[in-house]
Amino acid sequence: MHLAEVADYIQSKYGIEASYVDLAGQTLAAVTVPGANESFALLLKKDGRETVELKAGSLAKFLAAQSAFGPAVFMQDPA
């Protein structure tokens, strides 16, 4: 599934739109629940590779055990 399909699914299922930004060849879409201060998911596309970063809280261990998910990668904002 491509990131645009993930964003479309989230919008149709939950009524939450992703906010897109294009930064130097990297497409980023933040998914935020209305009224929240932070996004709960980031959809990233860079160099033809698409990834989803979720802030899953207590669901993190469950999701990590699912075959559709790869190992966790820590990303830090350089700012």
PDB file of N, CA and C in Angstrom:
ATOM      1  N   MET A   1       0.850  -1.175   0.000  1.00  0.00           N
ATOM      2  CA  MET A   1       0.000   0.000   0.000  1.00  0.00           C
ATOM      3  C   MET A   1       0.895   1.238   0.000  1.00  0.00           C
ATOM      4  N   HIS A   2       0.580   2.190  -0.854  1.00  0.00           N
ATOM      5  CA  HIS A   2       1.345   3.429  -0.952  1.00  0.00           C
ATOM      6  C   HIS A   2       0.843   4.442   0.075  1.00  0.00           C
ATOM      7  N   LEU A   3       1.695   5.414   0.399  1.00  0.00           N
ATOM      8  CA  LEU A   3       1.341   6.400   1.416  1.00  0.00           C
ATOM      9  C   LEU A   3       0.073   7.162   1.080  1.00  0.00           C
ATOM     10  N   ALA A   4      -0.126   7.490  -0.197  1.00  0.00           N
ATOM     11  CA  ALA A   4      -1.350   8.197  -0.587  1.00  0.00           C
ATOM     12  C   ALA A   4      -2.577   7.341  -0.272  1.00  0.00           C
ATOM     13  N   GLU A   5      -2.451   6.028  -0.452  1.00  0.00           N
ATOM     14  CA  GLU A   5      -3.553   5.122  -0.125  1.00  0.00           C
ATOM     15  C   GLU A   5      -3.790   5.070   1.379  1.00  0.00           C
ATOM     16  N   VAL A   6      -2.713   5.083   2.159  1.00  0.00           N
ATOM     17  CA  VAL A   6      -2.843   5.102   3.625  1.00  0.00           C
ATOM     18  C   VAL A   6      -3.551   6.382   4.056  1.00  0.00           C
ATOM     19  N   ALA A   7      -3.129   7.515   3.501  1.00  0.00           N
ATOM     20  CA  ALA A   7      -3.740   8.804   3.845  1.00  0.00           C
ATOM     21  C   ALA A   7      -5.217   8.821   3.446  1.00  0.00           C
ATOM     22  N   ASP A   8      -5.536   8.289   2.273  1.00  0.00           N
ATOM     23  CA  ASP A   8      -6.932   8.228   1.830  1.00  0.00           C
ATOM     24  C   ASP A   8      -7.763   7.342   2.750  1.00  0.00           C
ATOM     25  N   TYR A   9      -7.186   6.215   3.167  1.00  0.00           N
ATOM     26  CA  TYR A   9      -7.895   5.306   4.068  1.00  0.00           C
ATOM     27  C   TYR A   9      -8.190   5.977   5.411  1.00  0.00           C
ATOM     28  N   ILE A  10      -7.181   6.647   5.976  1.00  0.00           N
ATOM     29  CA  ILE A  10      -7.369   7.330   7.258  1.00  0.00           C
ATOM     30  C   ILE A  10      -8.454   8.394   7.136  1.00  0.00           C
ATOM     31  N   GLN A  11      -8.459   9.105   6.015  1.00  0.00           N
ATOM     32  CA  GLN A  11      -9.475  10.135   5.829  1.00  0.00           C
ATOM     33  C   GLN A  11     -10.865   9.527   5.678  1.00  0.00           C
ATOM     34  N   SER A  12     -10.997   8.476   4.871  1.00  0.00           N
ATOM     35  CA  SER A  12     -12.323   7.898   4.658  1.00  0.00           C
ATOM     36  C   SER A  12     -12.832   7.150   5.884  1.00  0.00           C
ATOM     37  N   LYS A  13     -11.951   6.488   6.603  1.00  0.00           N
ATOM     38  CA  LYS A  13     -12.352   5.689   7.766  1.00  0.00           C
ATOM     39  C   LYS A  13     -12.603   6.544   9.004  1.00  0.00           C
ATOM     40  N   TYR A  14     -11.732   7.542   9.243  1.00  0.00           N
ATOM     41  CA  TYR A  14     -11.794   8.306  10.486  1.00  0.00           C
ATOM     42  C   TYR A  14     -12.080   9.791  10.295  1.00  0.00           C
ATOM     43  N   GLY A  15     -12.105  10.257   9.046  1.00  0.00           N
ATOM     44  CA  GLY A  15     -12.365  11.672   8.788  1.00  0.00           C
ATOM     45  C   GLY A  15     -11.213  12.578   9.167  1.00  0.00           C
ATOM     46  N   ILE A  16      -9.994  12.025   9.207  1.00  0.00           N
ATOM     47  CA  ILE A  16      -8.802  12.787   9.580  1.00  0.00           C
ATOM     48  C   ILE A  16      -7.941  12.971   8.339  1.00  0.00           C
ATOM     49  N   GLU A  17      -7.624  14.214   7.995  1.00  0.00           N
ATOM     50  CA  GLU A  17      -6.808  14.488   6.819  1.00  0.00           C
ATOM     51  C   GLU A  17      -5.334  14.592   7.183  1.00  0.00           C
ATOM     52  N   ALA A  18      -4.487  14.175   6.265  1.00  0.00           N
ATOM     53  CA  ALA A  18      -3.046  14.322   6.436  1.00  0.00           C
ATOM     54  C   ALA A  18      -2.627  15.663   5.864  1.00  0.00           C
ATOM     55  N   SER A  19      -1.653  16.290   6.504  1.00  0.00           N
ATOM     56  CA  SER A  19      -1.099  17.561   6.038  1.00  0.00           C
ATOM     57  C   SER A  19       0.228  17.271   5.354  1.00  0.00           C
ATOM     58  N   TYR A  20       0.344  17.610   4.063  1.00  0.00           N
ATOM     59  CA  TYR A  20       1.529  17.286   3.270  1.00  0.00           C
ATOM     60  C   TYR A  20       2.519  18.440   3.219  1.00  0.00           C
ATOM     61  N   VAL A  21       3.814  18.067   3.233  1.00  0.00           N
ATOM     62  CA  VAL A  21       4.911  19.010   3.062  1.00  0.00           C
ATOM     63  C   VAL A  21       5.939  18.320   2.173  1.00  0.00           C
ATOM     64  N   ASP A  22       6.516  19.049   1.231  1.00  0.00           N
ATOM     65  CA  ASP A  22       7.583  18.497   0.398  1.00  0.00           C
ATOM     66  C   ASP A  22       8.872  19.234   0.749  1.00  0.00           C
ATOM     67  N   LEU A  23       9.829  18.501   1.300  1.00  0.00           N
ATOM     68  CA  LEU A  23      11.096  19.092   1.734  1.00  0.00           C
ATOM     69  C   LEU A  23      12.250  18.451   0.978  1.00  0.00           C
ATOM     70  N   ALA A  24      12.815  19.171   0.038  1.00  0.00           N
ATOM     71  CA  ALA A  24      14.009  18.727  -0.699  1.00  0.00           C
ATOM     72  C   ALA A  24      13.897  17.279  -1.174  1.00  0.00           C
ATOM     73  N   GLY A  25      12.828  16.959  -1.874  1.00  0.00           N
ATOM     74  CA  GLY A  25      12.666  15.619  -2.424  1.00  0.00           C
ATOM     75  C   GLY A  25      12.092  14.603  -1.474  1.00  0.00           C
ATOM     76  N   GLN A  26      11.783  15.001  -0.257  1.00  0.00           N
ATOM     77  CA  GLN A  26      11.177  14.101   0.722  1.00  0.00           C
ATOM     78  C   GLN A  26       9.747  14.550   0.964  1.00  0.00           C
ATOM     79  N   THR A  27       8.795  13.651   0.750  1.00  0.00           N
ATOM     80  CA  THR A  27       7.400  13.970   1.014  1.00  0.00           C
ATOM     81  C   THR A  27       7.064  13.522   2.421  1.00  0.00           C
ATOM     82  N   LEU A  28       6.434  14.396   3.173  1.00  0.00           N
ATOM     83  CA  LEU A  28       6.069  14.125   4.563  1.00  0.00           C
ATOM     84  C   LEU A  28       4.612  14.479   4.746  1.00  0.00           C
ATOM     85  N   ALA A  29       3.860  13.582   5.361  1.00  0.00           N
ATOM     86  CA  ALA A  29       2.467  13.858   5.683  1.00  0.00           C
ATOM     87  C   ALA A  29       2.267  13.575   7.162  1.00  0.00           C
ATOM     88  N   ALA A  30       1.791  14.568   7.899  1.00  0.00           N
ATOM     89  CA  ALA A  30       1.514  14.406   9.317  1.00  0.00           C
ATOM     90  C   ALA A  30       0.022  14.176   9.506  1.00  0.00           C
ATOM     91  N   VAL A  31      -0.320  13.195  10.339  1.00  0.00           N
ATOM     92  CA  VAL A  31      -1.711  12.881  10.626  1.00  0.00           C
ATOM     93  C   VAL A  31      -1.975  13.250  12.081  1.00  0.00           C
ATOM     94  N   THR A  32      -2.871  14.202  12.286  1.00  0.00           N
ATOM     95  CA  THR A  32      -3.156  14.724  13.617  1.00  0.00           C
ATOM     96  C   THR A  32      -4.654  14.668  13.889  1.00  0.00           C
ATOM     97  N   VAL A  33      -5.016  14.199  15.059  1.00  0.00           N
ATOM     98  CA  VAL A  33      -6.420  14.206  15.461  1.00  0.00           C
ATOM     99  C   VAL A  33      -6.821  15.655  15.710  1.00  0.00           C
ATOM    100  N   PRO A  34      -7.982  16.088  15.205  1.00  0.00           N
ATOM    101  CA  PRO A  34      -8.408  17.476  15.438  1.00  0.00           C
ATOM    102  C   PRO A  34      -8.394  17.823  16.924  1.00  0.00           C
ATOM    103  N   GLY A  35      -7.776  18.964  17.243  1.00  0.00           N
ATOM    104  CA  GLY A  35      -7.683  19.421  18.624  1.00  0.00           C
ATOM    105  C   GLY A  35      -6.435  18.958  19.354  1.00  0.00           C
ATOM    106  N   ALA A  36      -5.679  18.029  18.758  1.00  0.00           N
ATOM    107  CA  ALA A  36      -4.449  17.541  19.393  1.00  0.00           C
ATOM    108  C   ALA A  36      -3.288  18.453  19.030  1.00  0.00           C
ATOM    109  N   ASN A  37      -2.278  18.470  19.883  1.00  0.00           N
ATOM    110  CA  ASN A  37      -1.099  19.303  19.646  1.00  0.00           C
ATOM    111  C   ASN A  37      -0.046  18.615  18.794  1.00  0.00           C
ATOM    112  N   GLU A  38      -0.044  17.279  18.775  1.00  0.00           N
ATOM    113  CA  GLU A  38       0.974  16.533  18.049  1.00  0.00           C
ATOM    114  C   GLU A  38       0.333  15.533  17.100  1.00  0.00           C
ATOM    115  N   SER A  39       1.065  15.177  16.067  1.00  0.00           N
ATOM    116  CA  SER A  39       0.584  14.150  15.153  1.00  0.00           C
ATOM    117  C   SER A  39       0.773  12.778  15.783  1.00  0.00           C
ATOM    118  N   PHE A  40      -0.055  11.808  15.364  1.00  0.00           N
ATOM    119  CA  PHE A  40       0.125  10.446  15.845  1.00  0.00           C
ATOM    120  C   PHE A  40       0.774   9.560  14.789  1.00  0.00           C
ATOM    121  N   ALA A  41       0.881  10.078  13.576  1.00  0.00           N
ATOM    122  CA  ALA A  41       1.542   9.311  12.507  1.00  0.00           C
ATOM    123  C   ALA A  41       2.216  10.259  11.529  1.00  0.00           C
ATOM    124  N   LEU A  42       3.353   9.822  11.025  1.00  0.00           N
ATOM    125  CA  LEU A  42       4.045  10.530   9.960  1.00  0.00           C
ATOM    126  C   LEU A  42       4.191   9.566   8.797  1.00  0.00           C
ATOM    127  N   LEU A  43       3.775   9.994   7.628  1.00  0.00           N
ATOM    128  CA  LEU A  43       3.926   9.203   6.417  1.00  0.00           C
ATOM    129  C   LEU A  43       5.079   9.829   5.641  1.00  0.00           C
ATOM    130  N   LEU A  44       6.128   9.057   5.369  1.00  0.00           N
ATOM    131  CA  LEU A  44       7.339   9.590   4.766  1.00  0.00           C
ATOM    132  C   LEU A  44       7.657   8.903   3.449  1.00  0.00           C
ATOM    133  N   LYS A  45       8.104   9.682   2.466  1.00  0.00           N
ATOM    134  CA  LYS A  45       8.587   9.119   1.202  1.00  0.00           C
ATOM    135  C   LYS A  45       9.873   9.841   0.836  1.00  0.00           C
ATOM    136  N   LYS A  46      10.952   9.073   0.735  1.00  0.00           N
ATOM    137  CA  LYS A  46      12.247   9.646   0.389  1.00  0.00           C
ATOM    138  C   LYS A  46      13.009   8.634  -0.455  1.00  0.00           C
ATOM    139  N   ASP A  47      13.553   9.107  -1.568  1.00  0.00           N
ATOM    140  CA  ASP A  47      14.337   8.255  -2.460  1.00  0.00           C
ATOM    141  C   ASP A  47      13.570   7.007  -2.887  1.00  0.00           C
ATOM    142  N   GLY A  48      12.259   7.149  -3.116  1.00  0.00           N
ATOM    143  CA  GLY A  48      11.441   6.038  -3.565  1.00  0.00           C
ATOM    144  C   GLY A  48      11.029   5.065  -2.477  1.00  0.00           C
ATOM    145  N   ARG A  49      11.450   5.282  -1.262  1.00  0.00           N
ATOM    146  CA  ARG A  49      11.115   4.399  -0.141  1.00  0.00           C
ATOM    147  C   ARG A  49      10.024   5.052   0.702  1.00  0.00           C
ATOM    148  N   GLU A  50       8.989   4.300   1.023  1.00  0.00           N
ATOM    149  CA  GLU A  50       7.873   4.818   1.800  1.00  0.00           C
ATOM    150  C   GLU A  50       7.830   4.149   3.168  1.00  0.00           C
ATOM    151  N   THR A  51       7.673   4.960   4.213  1.00  0.00           N
ATOM    152  CA  THR A  51       7.593   4.428   5.572  1.00  0.00           C
ATOM    153  C   THR A  51       6.506   5.163   6.338  1.00  0.00           C
ATOM    154  N   VAL A  52       6.054   4.534   7.409  1.00  0.00           N
ATOM    155  CA  VAL A  52       5.072   5.135   8.302  1.00  0.00           C
ATOM    156  C   VAL A  52       5.654   5.100   9.697  1.00  0.00           C
ATOM    157  N   GLU A  53       5.676   6.243  10.351  1.00  0.00           N
ATOM    158  CA  GLU A  53       6.125   6.325  11.745  1.00  0.00           C
ATOM    159  C   GLU A  53       4.889   6.557  12.601  1.00  0.00           C
ATOM    160  N   LEU A  54       4.631   5.638  13.527  1.00  0.00           N
ATOM    161  CA  LEU A  54       3.469   5.744  14.403  1.00  0.00           C
ATOM    162  C   LEU A  54       3.904   6.023  15.833  1.00  0.00           C
ATOM    163  N   LYS A  55       3.153   6.856  16.497  1.00  0.00           N
ATOM    164  CA  LYS A  55       3.314   7.027  17.938  1.00  0.00           C
ATOM    165  C   LYS A  55       2.216   6.174  18.558  1.00  0.00           C
ATOM    166  N   ALA A  56       2.545   4.930  18.860  1.00  0.00           N
ATOM    167  CA  ALA A  56       1.545   3.943  19.207  1.00  0.00           C
ATOM    168  C   ALA A  56       1.349   3.766  20.707  1.00  0.00           C
ATOM    169  N   GLY A  57       2.203   4.362  21.520  1.00  0.00           N
ATOM    170  CA  GLY A  57       2.038   4.239  22.969  1.00  0.00           C
ATOM    171  C   GLY A  57       2.007   2.788  23.410  1.00  0.00           C
ATOM    172  N   SER A  58       0.958   2.396  24.123  1.00  0.00           N
ATOM    173  CA  SER A  58       0.868   1.053  24.679  1.00  0.00           C
ATOM    174  C   SER A  58       0.672  -0.030  23.617  1.00  0.00           C
ATOM    175  N   LEU A  59       0.333   0.348  22.386  1.00  0.00           N
ATOM    176  CA  LEU A  59       0.174  -0.634  21.310  1.00  0.00           C
ATOM    177  C   LEU A  59       1.487  -0.974  20.617  1.00  0.00           C
ATOM    178  N   ALA A  60       2.569  -0.285  20.956  1.00  0.00           N
ATOM    179  CA  ALA A  60       3.840  -0.444  20.254  1.00  0.00           C
ATOM    180  C   ALA A  60       4.323  -1.895  20.245  1.00  0.00           C
ATOM    181  N   LYS A  61       4.289  -2.589  21.375  1.00  0.00           N
ATOM    182  CA  LYS A  61       4.774  -3.971  21.435  1.00  0.00           C
ATOM    183  C   LYS A  61       3.909  -4.897  20.585  1.00  0.00           C
ATOM    184  N   PHE A  62       2.607  -4.690  20.610  1.00  0.00           N
ATOM    185  CA  PHE A  62       1.708  -5.503  19.798  1.00  0.00           C
ATOM    186  C   PHE A  62       1.993  -5.298  18.313  1.00  0.00           C
ATOM    187  N   LEU A  63       2.100  -4.045  17.885  1.00  0.00           N
ATOM    188  CA  LEU A  63       2.343  -3.748  16.481  1.00  0.00           C
ATOM    189  C   LEU A  63       3.701  -4.285  16.024  1.00  0.00           C
ATOM    190  N   ALA A  64       4.712  -4.183  16.870  1.00  0.00           N
ATOM    191  CA  ALA A  64       6.051  -4.663  16.514  1.00  0.00           C
ATOM    192  C   ALA A  64       6.063  -6.163  16.253  1.00  0.00           C
ATOM    193  N   ALA A  65       5.150  -6.893  16.859  1.00  0.00           N
ATOM    194  CA  ALA A  65       5.093  -8.345  16.681  1.00  0.00           C
ATOM    195  C   ALA A  65       4.367  -8.759  15.402  1.00  0.00           C
ATOM    196  N   GLN A  66       3.725  -7.835  14.717  1.00  0.00           N
ATOM    197  CA  GLN A  66       2.985  -8.145  13.498  1.00  0.00           C
ATOM    198  C   GLN A  66       3.929  -8.222  12.308  1.00  0.00           C
ATOM    199  N   SER A  67       3.660  -9.144  11.402  1.00  0.00           N
ATOM    200  CA  SER A  67       4.566  -9.378  10.270  1.00  0.00           C
ATOM    201  C   SER A  67       4.646  -8.203   9.293  1.00  0.00           C
ATOM    202  N   ALA A  68       3.637  -7.334   9.271  1.00  0.00           N
ATOM    203  CA  ALA A  68       3.644  -6.198   8.342  1.00  0.00           C
ATOM    204  C   ALA A  68       4.591  -5.087   8.777  1.00  0.00           C
ATOM    205  N   PHE A  69       5.057  -5.135  10.001  1.00  0.00           N
ATOM    206  CA  PHE A  69       5.914  -4.083  10.533  1.00  0.00           C
ATOM    207  C   PHE A  69       7.348  -4.554  10.616  1.00  0.00           C
ATOM    208  N   GLY A  70       8.270  -3.649  10.287  1.00  0.00           N
ATOM    209  CA  GLY A  70       9.689  -3.938  10.408  1.00  0.00           C
ATOM    210  C   GLY A  70      10.195  -3.487  11.772  1.00  0.00           C
ATOM    211  N   PRO A  71      11.495  -3.641  11.990  1.00  0.00           N
ATOM    212  CA  PRO A  71      12.072  -3.210  13.268  1.00  0.00           C
ATOM    213  C   PRO A  71      11.954  -1.687  13.421  1.00  0.00           C
ATOM    214  N   ALA A  72      11.860  -1.257  14.647  1.00  0.00           N
ATOM    215  CA  ALA A  72      11.727   0.167  14.941  1.00  0.00           C
ATOM    216  C   ALA A  72      12.991   0.912  14.536  1.00  0.00           C
ATOM    217  N   VAL A  73      12.811   2.117  14.048  1.00  0.00           N
ATOM    218  CA  VAL A  73      13.924   2.984  13.684  1.00  0.00           C
ATOM    219  C   VAL A  73      13.715   4.297  14.419  1.00  0.00           C
ATOM    220  N   PHE A  74      14.714   4.723  15.178  1.00  0.00           N
ATOM    221  CA  PHE A  74      14.612   5.980  15.927  1.00  0.00           C
ATOM    222  C   PHE A  74      14.990   7.117  15.010  1.00  0.00           C
ATOM    223  N   MET A  75      14.112   8.109  14.937  1.00  0.00           N
ATOM    224  CA  MET A  75      14.382   9.286  14.121  1.00  0.00           C
ATOM    225  C   MET A  75      14.339  10.503  15.032  1.00  0.00           C
ATOM    226  N   GLN A  76      15.338  11.352  14.919  1.00  0.00           N
ATOM    227  CA  GLN A  76      15.394  12.550  15.753  1.00  0.00           C
ATOM    228  C   GLN A  76      15.405  13.780  14.878  1.00  0.00           C
ATOM    229  N   ASP A  77      14.571  14.728  15.239  1.00  0.00           N
ATOM    230  CA  ASP A  77      14.502  15.995  14.498  1.00  0.00           C
ATOM    231  C   ASP A  77      15.792  16.759  14.759  1.00  0.00           C
ATOM    232  N   PRO A  78      16.528  17.144  13.705  1.00  0.00           N
ATOM    233  CA  PRO A  78      17.793  17.837  13.914  1.00  0.00           C
ATOM    234  C   PRO A  78      17.654  19.252  14.474  1.00  0.00           C
ATOM    235  N   ALA A  79      16.444  19.786  14.499  1.00  0.00           N
ATOM    236  CA  ALA A  79      16.229  21.154  14.994  1.00  0.00           C
ATOM    237  C   ALA A  79      16.289  21.237  16.489  1.00  0.00           C
TER     238      ALA A  79
END
